[in-house]
C-alpha atoms as a PDB file:
ATOM      1  CA  MET A   1     100.457 114.837  96.757  1.00  0.00           C
ATOM      2  CA  ALA A   2      98.981 117.672  98.828  1.00  0.00           C
ATOM      3  CA  ALA A   3      95.567 116.882  97.335  1.00  0.00           C
ATOM      4  CA  ARG A   4      95.923 113.181  98.151  1.00  0.00           C
ATOM      5  CA  CYS A   5      96.863 114.016 101.745  1.00  0.00           C
ATOM      6  CA  ARG A   6      93.934 116.446 101.920  1.00  0.00           C
ATOM      7  CA  LYS A   7      91.581 113.680 100.841  1.00  0.00           C
ATOM      8  CA  ALA A   8      93.065 111.294 103.404  1.00  0.00           C
ATOM      9  CA  ALA A   9      92.933 113.845 106.232  1.00  0.00           C
ATOM     10  CA  GLY A  10      89.218 114.481 105.791  1.00  0.00           C
ATOM     11  CA  GLU A  11      88.054 117.544 107.712  1.00  0.00           C
ATOM     12  CA  ARG A  12      91.124 117.645 109.969  1.00  0.00           C
ATOM     13  CA  SER A  13      93.437 120.639 109.822  1.00  0.00           C
ATOM     14  CA  MET A  14      96.534 120.135 107.665  1.00  0.00           C
ATOM     15  CA  ILE A  15      99.511 122.510 107.548  1.00  0.00           C
ATOM     16  CA  ALA A  16     102.319 122.376 104.965  1.00  0.00           C
ATOM     17  CA  PHE A  17     105.643 121.726 106.721  1.00  0.00           C
ATOM     18  CA  GLY A  18     107.746 120.873 103.673  1.00  0.00           C
ATOM     19  CA  ILE A  19     109.818 123.988 102.978  1.00  0.00           C
ATOM     20  CA  ARG A  20     112.867 122.851 104.939  1.00  0.00           C
ATOM     21  CA  ARG A  21     113.251 120.084 102.358  1.00  0.00           C
ATOM     22  CA  THR A  22     113.614 122.540  99.475  1.00  0.00           C
ATOM     23  CA  HIS A  23     115.919 125.344  98.381  1.00  0.00           C
ATOM     24  CA  PRO A  24     114.833 128.684  99.910  1.00  0.00           C
ATOM     25  CA  ALA A  25     114.412 130.160  96.426  1.00  0.00           C
ATOM     26  CA  ILE A  26     111.531 127.808  95.625  1.00  0.00           C
ATOM     27  CA  SER A  27     109.999 127.388  99.092  1.00  0.00           C
ATOM     28  CA  PRO A  28     107.322 130.082  98.474  1.00  0.00           C
ATOM     29  CA  MET A  29     106.224 128.224  95.327  1.00  0.00           C
ATOM     30  CA  LEU A  30     106.085 124.943  97.249  1.00  0.00           C
ATOM     31  CA  ASP A  31     103.939 126.523  99.954  1.00  0.00           C
ATOM     32  CA  ARG A  32     101.603 128.083  97.394  1.00  0.00           C
ATOM     33  CA  SER A  33     101.197 124.767  95.583  1.00  0.00           C
ATOM     34  CA  SER A  34     100.648 122.944  98.886  1.00  0.00           C
ATOM     35  CA  TYR A  35      97.882 125.385  99.790  1.00  0.00           C
ATOM     36  CA  ILE A  36      96.241 125.051  96.376  1.00  0.00           C
ATOM     37  CA  GLY A  37      96.434 121.269  96.748  1.00  0.00           C
ATOM     38  CA  GLY A  38      94.454 121.361  99.979  1.00  0.00           C
ATOM     39  CA  CYS A  39      96.654 122.351 102.916  1.00  0.00           C
ATOM     40  CA  ASP A  40      94.865 124.763 105.241  1.00  0.00           C
ATOM     41  CA  GLY A  41      97.973 126.805 105.920  1.00  0.00           C
ATOM     42  CA  VAL A  42     101.693 127.119 105.243  1.00  0.00           C
ATOM     43  CA  SER A  43     104.677 127.695 107.493  1.00  0.00           C
ATOM     44  CA  SER A  44     106.954 130.106 105.615  1.00  0.00           C
ATOM     45  CA  LEU A  45     106.650 133.890 105.695  1.00  0.00           C
ATOM     46  CA  LEU A  46     107.003 134.371 101.931  1.00  0.00           C
ATOM     47  CA  GLY A  47     104.839 131.351 101.173  1.00  0.00           C
ATOM     48  CA  ALA A  48     102.042 132.762 103.305  1.00  0.00           C
ATOM     49  CA  GLU A  49     102.445 136.126 101.592  1.00  0.00           C
ATOM     50  CA  THR A  50     101.927 134.567  98.155  1.00  0.00           C
ATOM     51  CA  ILE A  51      98.518 133.217  99.198  1.00  0.00           C
ATOM     52  CA  GLY A  52      97.454 136.205 101.283  1.00  0.00           C
ATOM     53  CA  ARG A  53      97.398 134.396 104.629  1.00  0.00           C
ATOM     54  CA  ARG A  54      99.252 134.440 107.920  1.00  0.00           C
ATOM     55  CA  PRO A  55     101.976 131.796 108.320  1.00  0.00           C
ATOM     56  CA  GLU A  56     101.122 128.947 110.679  1.00  0.00           C
ATOM     57  CA  GLY A  57     103.118 126.572 112.824  1.00  0.00           C
ATOM     58  CA  THR A  58     104.034 125.579 116.365  1.00  0.00           C
ATOM     59  CA  MET A  59     106.960 126.077 118.715  1.00  0.00           C
ATOM     60  CA  PRO A  60     110.202 124.318 117.626  1.00  0.00           C
ATOM     61  CA  HIS A  61     112.201 121.718 119.515  1.00  0.00           C
ATOM     62  CA  ALA A  62     115.120 124.154 119.366  1.00  0.00           C
ATOM     63  CA  LEU A  63     113.321 126.535 121.735  1.00  0.00           C
ATOM     64  CA  ILE A  64     112.912 123.835 124.379  1.00  0.00           C
ATOM     65  CA  ILE A  65     116.498 122.647 123.976  1.00  0.00           C
ATOM     66  CA  MET A  66     117.951 126.157 124.223  1.00  0.00           C
ATOM     67  CA  MET A  67     115.830 127.055 127.260  1.00  0.00           C
ATOM     68  CA  GLY A  68     116.736 123.843 129.050  1.00  0.00           C
ATOM     69  CA  ASP A  69     113.334 122.374 129.880  1.00  0.00           C
ATOM     70  CA  SER A  70     109.856 122.126 128.440  1.00  0.00           C
ATOM     71  CA  ILE A  71     107.857 123.998 131.094  1.00  0.00           C
ATOM     72  CA  THR A  72     110.123 127.061 130.926  1.00  0.00           C
ATOM     73  CA  ALA A  73     109.812 127.053 127.135  1.00  0.00           C
ATOM     74  CA  PHE A  74     106.021 126.624 127.279  1.00  0.00           C
ATOM     75  CA  ARG A  75     105.622 129.634 129.557  1.00  0.00           C
ATOM     76  CA  ALA A  76     108.053 131.790 127.571  1.00  0.00           C
ATOM     77  CA  PHE A  77     106.235 130.940 124.335  1.00  0.00           C
ATOM     78  CA  ASP A  78     102.911 131.907 125.900  1.00  0.00           C
ATOM     79  CA  GLU A  79     104.327 135.137 127.338  1.00  0.00           C
ATOM     80  CA  VAL A  80     106.142 136.444 124.264  1.00  0.00           C
ATOM     81  CA  ILE A  81     104.280 135.244 121.158  1.00  0.00           C
ATOM     82  CA  ASP A  82     101.436 137.351 119.723  1.00  0.00           C
ATOM     83  CA  PRO A  83      98.155 136.472 121.488  1.00  0.00           C
ATOM     84  CA  GLU A  84      96.516 135.785 118.102  1.00  0.00           C
ATOM     85  CA  VAL A  85      98.865 132.838 117.522  1.00  0.00           C
ATOM     86  CA  PRO A  86      97.295 129.563 118.729  1.00  0.00           C
ATOM     87  CA  ARG A  87      99.188 128.061 121.671  1.00  0.00           C
ATOM     88  CA  ILE A  88     100.341 124.697 120.300  1.00  0.00           C
ATOM     89  CA  VAL A  89     103.361 123.251 122.109  1.00  0.00           C
ATOM     90  CA  LEU A  90     105.665 120.305 121.482  1.00  0.00           C
ATOM     91  CA  VAL A  91     105.408 117.540 124.069  1.00  0.00           C
ATOM     92  CA  ASP A  92     108.002 114.988 122.948  1.00  0.00           C
ATOM     93  CA  THR A  93     111.380 116.647 123.510  1.00  0.00           C
ATOM     94  CA  TYR A  94     112.669 115.340 126.836  1.00  0.00           C
ATOM     95  CA  SER A  95     109.888 113.435 128.601  1.00  0.00           C
ATOM     96  CA  ASP A  96     106.972 111.101 128.018  1.00  0.00           C
ATOM     97  CA  GLU A  97     104.392 112.653 125.683  1.00  0.00           C
ATOM     98  CA  LYS A  98     101.534 112.053 128.103  1.00  0.00           C
ATOM     99  CA  THR A  99     103.416 113.646 130.998  1.00  0.00           C
ATOM    100  CA  GLU A 100     104.450 116.712 129.008  1.00  0.00           C
ATOM    101  CA  ALA A 101     100.961 117.121 127.523  1.00  0.00           C
ATOM    102  CA  ILE A 102      99.422 117.243 130.995  1.00  0.00           C
ATOM    103  CA  ALA A 103     102.138 119.641 132.182  1.00  0.00           C
ATOM    104  CA  ALA A 104     101.487 121.905 129.184  1.00  0.00           C
ATOM    105  CA  CYS A 105      97.780 122.078 130.002  1.00  0.00           C
ATOM    106  CA  GLU A 106      98.633 123.066 133.564  1.00  0.00           C
ATOM    107  CA  ALA A 107     101.245 125.644 132.504  1.00  0.00           C
ATOM    108  CA  ILE A 108      99.284 127.511 129.804  1.00  0.00           C
ATOM    109  CA  LYS A 109      95.787 128.743 130.570  1.00  0.00           C
ATOM    110  CA  ASP A 110      94.549 129.064 126.983  1.00  0.00           C
ATOM    111  CA  LEU A 111      96.394 126.116 125.478  1.00  0.00           C
ATOM    112  CA  SER A 112      95.060 125.339 122.006  1.00  0.00           C
ATOM    113  CA  GLY A 113      96.836 122.063 121.403  1.00  0.00           C
ATOM    114  CA  VAL A 114      99.807 119.771 121.886  1.00  0.00           C
ATOM    115  CA  ARG A 115     101.981 118.527 119.060  1.00  0.00           C
ATOM    116  CA  LEU A 116     103.400 115.021 118.857  1.00  0.00           C
ATOM    117  CA  ASP A 117     106.473 114.827 116.618  1.00  0.00           C
ATOM    118  CA  THR A 118     107.922 111.680 118.160  1.00  0.00           C
ATOM    119  CA  PRO A 119     110.768 110.150 116.085  1.00  0.00           C
ATOM    120  CA  GLY A 120     110.010 106.816 114.474  1.00  0.00           C
ATOM    121  CA  SER A 121     112.756 105.138 116.534  1.00  0.00           C
ATOM    122  CA  ARG A 122     110.788 105.864 119.733  1.00  0.00           C
ATOM    123  CA  ARG A 123     107.264 106.004 118.392  1.00  0.00           C
ATOM    124  CA  GLY A 124     106.095 102.393 118.535  1.00  0.00           C
ATOM    125  CA  SER A 125     102.411 102.582 117.634  1.00  0.00           C
ATOM    126  CA  PHE A 126     101.669 106.223 116.860  1.00  0.00           C
ATOM    127  CA  THR A 127      97.929 105.575 116.927  1.00  0.00           C
ATOM    128  CA  GLU A 128      98.086 104.097 120.434  1.00  0.00           C
ATOM    129  CA  LEU A 129     100.251 106.994 121.591  1.00  0.00           C
ATOM    130  CA  ILE A 130      97.623 109.445 120.328  1.00  0.00           C
ATOM    131  CA  ARG A 131      94.833 107.489 122.031  1.00  0.00           C
ATOM    132  CA  GLU A 132      96.748 107.473 125.313  1.00  0.00           C
ATOM    133  CA  VAL A 133      97.373 111.228 125.267  1.00  0.00           C
ATOM    134  CA  ARG A 134      93.755 111.928 124.287  1.00  0.00           C
ATOM    135  CA  TRP A 135      92.484 109.723 127.127  1.00  0.00           C
ATOM    136  CA  GLU A 136      94.652 111.383 129.770  1.00  0.00           C
ATOM    137  CA  LEU A 137      93.747 114.907 128.650  1.00  0.00           C
ATOM    138  CA  ASP A 138      90.024 114.136 128.556  1.00  0.00           C
ATOM    139  CA  LEU A 139      90.258 112.486 131.973  1.00  0.00           C
ATOM    140  CA  ARG A 140      91.513 115.774 133.437  1.00  0.00           C
ATOM    141  CA  GLY A 141      88.963 118.009 131.736  1.00  0.00           C
ATOM    142  CA  TYR A 142      91.117 119.144 128.808  1.00  0.00           C
ATOM    143  CA  GLN A 143      88.779 117.987 126.051  1.00  0.00           C
ATOM    144  CA  HIS A 144      89.255 121.347 124.300  1.00  0.00           C
ATOM    145  CA  VAL A 145      92.999 120.791 123.824  1.00  0.00           C
ATOM    146  CA  ASN A 146      93.668 119.463 120.324  1.00  0.00           C
ATOM    147  CA  ILE A 147      96.286 116.907 119.337  1.00  0.00           C
ATOM    148  CA  PHE A 148      98.421 117.951 116.368  1.00  0.00           C
ATOM    149  CA  VAL A 149     100.801 115.350 114.922  1.00  0.00           C
ATOM    150  CA  SER A 150     103.725 115.477 112.501  1.00  0.00           C
ATOM    151  CA  GLY A 151     106.773 113.500 111.441  1.00  0.00           C
ATOM    152  CA  GLY A 152     106.941 111.383 108.279  1.00  0.00           C
ATOM    153  CA  LEU A 153     103.198 111.535 107.584  1.00  0.00           C
ATOM    154  CA  ASP A 154     101.632 110.652 104.247  1.00  0.00           C
ATOM    155  CA  GLU A 155      98.274 109.732 102.740  1.00  0.00           C
ATOM    156  CA  LYS A 156      98.563 106.125 103.940  1.00  0.00           C
ATOM    157  CA  VAL A 157      98.792 106.873 107.668  1.00  0.00           C
ATOM    158  CA  LEU A 158      96.551 109.939 108.005  1.00  0.00           C
ATOM    159  CA  PRO A 159      93.185 108.099 108.181  1.00  0.00           C
ATOM    160  CA  ASP A 160      94.350 105.828 111.031  1.00  0.00           C
ATOM    161  CA  LEU A 161      95.807 108.768 112.960  1.00  0.00           C
ATOM    162  CA  ALA A 162      92.574 110.709 112.523  1.00  0.00           C
ATOM    163  CA  ARG A 163      90.523 107.792 113.837  1.00  0.00           C
ATOM    164  CA  ALA A 164      92.881 107.534 116.817  1.00  0.00           C
ATOM    165  CA  GLY A 165      92.099 111.113 117.809  1.00  0.00           C
ATOM    166  CA  ALA A 166      94.470 113.411 115.915  1.00  0.00           C
ATOM    167  CA  ASP A 167      92.848 116.797 115.259  1.00  0.00           C
ATOM    168  CA  GLY A 168      95.437 118.164 112.851  1.00  0.00           C
ATOM    169  CA  PHE A 169      98.518 117.274 110.842  1.00  0.00           C
ATOM    170  CA  GLY A 170     101.798 118.837 109.805  1.00  0.00           C
ATOM    171  CA  VAL A 171     102.768 117.223 106.498  1.00  0.00           C
ATOM    172  CA  GLY A 172     106.155 117.967 104.981  1.00  0.00           C
ATOM    173  CA  THR A 173     108.390 115.451 103.244  1.00  0.00           C
ATOM    174  CA  SER A 174     105.656 113.508 101.451  1.00  0.00           C
ATOM    175  CA  ILE A 175     104.541 116.759  99.779  1.00  0.00           C
ATOM    176  CA  SER A 176     107.891 118.436  99.140  1.00  0.00           C
ATOM    177  CA  ASN A 177     109.445 115.166  97.919  1.00  0.00           C
ATOM    178  CA  ALA A 178     106.352 113.856  96.161  1.00  0.00           C
ATOM    179  CA  PRO A 179     106.835 111.152  93.503  1.00  0.00           C
ATOM    180  CA  THR A 180     107.337 112.559  90.025  1.00  0.00           C
ATOM    181  CA  VAL A 181     104.765 112.307  87.252  1.00  0.00           C
ATOM    182  CA  ASP A 182     106.567 110.620  84.371  1.00  0.00           C
ATOM    183  CA  PHE A 183     106.002 112.268  80.994  1.00  0.00           C
ATOM    184  CA  ALA A 184     107.858 113.075  77.786  1.00  0.00           C
ATOM    185  CA  LEU A 185     107.694 115.759  75.108  1.00  0.00           C
ATOM    186  CA  ASP A 186     107.529 114.163  71.666  1.00  0.00           C
ATOM    187  CA  ILE A 187     106.948 115.357  68.114  1.00  0.00           C
ATOM    188  CA  VAL A 188     103.637 113.842  66.983  1.00  0.00           C
ATOM    189  CA  GLU A 189     102.740 116.061  64.028  1.00  0.00           C
ATOM    190  CA  LYS A 190     104.848 117.452  61.171  1.00  0.00           C
ATOM    191  CA  GLU A 191     103.416 119.979  58.705  1.00  0.00           C
ATOM    192  CA  GLY A 192      99.920 118.759  59.488  1.00  0.00           C
ATOM    193  CA  ARG A 193     100.769 115.068  59.093  1.00  0.00           C
ATOM    194  CA  PRO A 194     100.789 112.646  62.058  1.00  0.00           C
ATOM    195  CA  VAL A 195     104.220 111.296  62.997  1.00  0.00           C
ATOM    196  CA  ALA A 196     105.626 109.528  66.045  1.00  0.00           C
ATOM    197  CA  LYS A 197     108.518 107.417  67.269  1.00  0.00           C
ATOM    198  CA  ARG A 198     107.934 103.781  68.103  1.00  0.00           C
ATOM    199  CA  GLY A 199     105.731 103.283  71.151  1.00  0.00           C
ATOM    200  CA  LYS A 200     104.036 106.685  70.809  1.00  0.00           C
ATOM    201  CA  PHE A 201     100.634 107.621  69.414  1.00  0.00           C
ATOM    202  CA  GLY A 202     100.981 109.960  66.454  1.00  0.00           C
ATOM    203  CA  GLY A 203      98.862 112.990  65.648  1.00  0.00           C
ATOM    204  CA  ARG A 204      97.362 115.874  67.567  1.00  0.00           C
ATOM    205  CA  LYS A 205      95.379 114.822  70.654  1.00  0.00           C
ATOM    206  CA  HIS A 206      92.093 116.137  72.034  1.00  0.00           C
ATOM    207  CA  VAL A 207      91.515 115.452  75.725  1.00  0.00           C
ATOM    208  CA  HIS A 208      88.014 115.198  77.173  1.00  0.00           C
ATOM    209  CA  ARG A 209      86.988 114.918  80.806  1.00  0.00           C
ATOM    210  CA  CYS A 210      83.871 113.625  82.512  1.00  0.00           C
ATOM    211  CA  PRO A 211      82.278 116.432  84.583  1.00  0.00           C
ATOM    212  CA  ASP A 212      81.004 113.918  87.153  1.00  0.00           C
ATOM    213  CA  CYS A 213      83.817 111.455  87.897  1.00  0.00           C
ATOM    214  CA  LEU A 214      86.681 113.428  86.244  1.00  0.00           C
ATOM    215  CA  SER A 215      87.806 110.488  84.082  1.00  0.00           C
ATOM    216  CA  PHE A 216      89.822 111.418  80.983  1.00  0.00           C
ATOM    217  CA  GLU A 217      89.593 110.216  77.402  1.00  0.00           C
ATOM    218  CA  VAL A 218      92.084 111.070  74.642  1.00  0.00           C
ATOM    219  CA  MET A 219      90.640 111.350  71.125  1.00  0.00           C
ATOM    220  CA  HIS A 220      92.159 112.010  67.697  1.00  0.00           C
ATOM    221  CA  ASP A 221      88.952 113.357  66.126  1.00  0.00           C
ATOM    222  CA  PRO A 222      88.219 116.911  67.385  1.00  0.00           C
ATOM    223  CA  GLU A 223      84.555 116.578  66.407  1.00  0.00           C
ATOM    224  CA  GLU A 224      83.920 113.342  68.289  1.00  0.00           C
ATOM    225  CA  VAL A 225      82.388 113.796  71.754  1.00  0.00           C
ATOM    226  CA  PRO A 226      82.925 110.651  73.846  1.00  0.00           C
ATOM    227  CA  ARG A 227      80.807 109.353  76.694  1.00  0.00           C
ATOM    228  CA  CYS A 228      82.397 108.393  79.972  1.00  0.00           C
ATOM    229  CA  ALA A 229      82.988 104.648  80.175  1.00  0.00           C
ATOM    230  CA  ARG A 230      82.483 104.737  83.948  1.00  0.00           C
ATOM    231  CA  CYS A 231      79.294 106.770  84.410  1.00  0.00           C
ATOM    232  CA  GLY A 232      77.914 107.331  80.911  1.00  0.00           C
ATOM    233  CA  GLN A 233      78.025 111.127  81.021  1.00  0.00           C
ATOM    234  CA  GLU A 234      78.883 113.119  77.904  1.00  0.00           C
ATOM    235  CA  MET A 235      82.456 114.318  78.316  1.00  0.00           C
ATOM    236  CA  VAL A 236      83.641 117.887  77.791  1.00  0.00           C
ATOM    237  CA  PRO A 237      86.930 119.323  76.449  1.00  0.00           C
ATOM    238  CA  ALA A 238      89.501 119.335  79.240  1.00  0.00           C
ATOM    239  CA  ALA A 239      91.708 122.077  77.789  1.00  0.00           C
ATOM    240  CA  THR A 240      90.924 125.778  78.070  1.00  0.00           C
ATOM    241  CA  LYS A 241      92.822 128.350  76.035  1.00  0.00           C
ATOM    242  CA  LEU A 242      94.372 130.791  78.491  1.00  0.00           C
ATOM    243  CA  MET A 243      96.485 132.961  76.194  1.00  0.00           C
ATOM    244  CA  GLU A 244      96.598 133.933  72.541  1.00  0.00           C
ATOM    245  CA  LYS A 245      99.277 136.063  70.884  1.00  0.00           C
ATOM    246  CA  GLY A 246     100.619 137.039  74.297  1.00  0.00           C
ATOM    247  CA  ARG A 247      97.244 138.180  75.650  1.00  0.00           C
ATOM    248  CA  ARG A 248      95.434 136.572  78.586  1.00  0.00           C
ATOM    249  CA  LEU A 249      91.972 135.404  77.565  1.00  0.00           C
ATOM    250  CA  VAL A 250      90.559 134.549  81.006  1.00  0.00           C
ATOM    251  CA  PRO A 251      90.850 136.337  84.372  1.00  0.00           C
ATOM    252  CA  GLU A 252      93.667 135.291  86.682  1.00  0.00           C
ATOM    253  CA  LEU A 253      92.457 133.283  89.678  1.00  0.00           C
ATOM    254  CA  THR A 254      93.716 133.764  93.221  1.00  0.00           C
ATOM    255  CA  ALA A 255      95.337 130.888  95.098  1.00  0.00           C
ATOM    256  CA  LYS A 256      92.171 130.500  97.169  1.00  0.00           C
ATOM    257  CA  GLU A 257      89.950 130.358  94.075  1.00  0.00           C
ATOM    258  CA  ILE A 258      92.153 127.648  92.566  1.00  0.00           C
ATOM    259  CA  ARG A 259      92.169 125.786  95.889  1.00  0.00           C
ATOM    260  CA  ASP A 260      88.370 125.909  96.052  1.00  0.00           C
ATOM    261  CA  LYS A 261      88.226 124.269  92.619  1.00  0.00           C
ATOM    262  CA  VAL A 262      90.623 121.549  93.768  1.00  0.00           C
ATOM    263  CA  LEU A 263      88.582 120.832  96.904  1.00  0.00           C
ATOM    264  CA  GLU A 264      85.377 120.684  94.868  1.00  0.00           C
ATOM    265  CA  GLN A 265      86.954 118.132  92.534  1.00  0.00           C
ATOM    266  CA  LEU A 266      88.365 116.084  95.423  1.00  0.00           C
ATOM    267  CA  GLY A 267      84.811 115.334  96.462  1.00  0.00           C
ATOM    268  CA  LYS A 268      84.365 113.407  93.206  1.00  0.00           C
ATOM    269  CA  VAL A 269      87.398 111.122  93.420  1.00  0.00           C
ATOM    270  CA  THR A 270      88.732 108.363  95.655  1.00  0.00           C
ATOM    271  CA  LEU A 271      92.313 107.504  96.570  1.00  0.00           C
END
């Protein structure tokens, strides 16, 4: 799902916000997988450590609520947080998003962006809300201030939000609670002879993939090399032997190297 959201987001920044939906024991693995799938950054400390990057995020609503008002929280955030951390503040806690966005620009000299996390019950048209905030900021000379949005985002809504003026996204639930890929583990060969339960294809399978469009073809003959039905290219074996007798046969790739492969492949597919 991270890869699908990456494709939908285009060149916009996308940060993984999904760890609060998972058990803490597996949150680093979720963040690592989200990064490999295409997210530009992750929000947990351990997750960021697994990919060799700094954690990313914005100020929380809790800070504004505990400090009593948005402007006080904006200024405290700017005063205390490490200068290397981009100044991105929430502008939907107590007042109108447009009003708080303008106030944030006036309160913080080097404001990097404002974040809209408006609940669905008060959101109305999120795209129009983004357009309104963008218009008012540009009108006052704050063209450099980015608009970062979050809250129930998925691959279906990201393109419209990007066209409306969103510069970045925080995507959580749709990645951490992604739909499952249904599969089963079945016996299909016994002592070299093909077997299978009803509804299953018996025998050992050989999977080939088109290097151009990434289509797959499953064959029973290991010597047969199929051609892609979509683009006519000769397909190549999709499986690579990684280990044999407990020994690794190929070098281990870093999270970034795997991510680069994913992004390269995303350029060949459509949603």
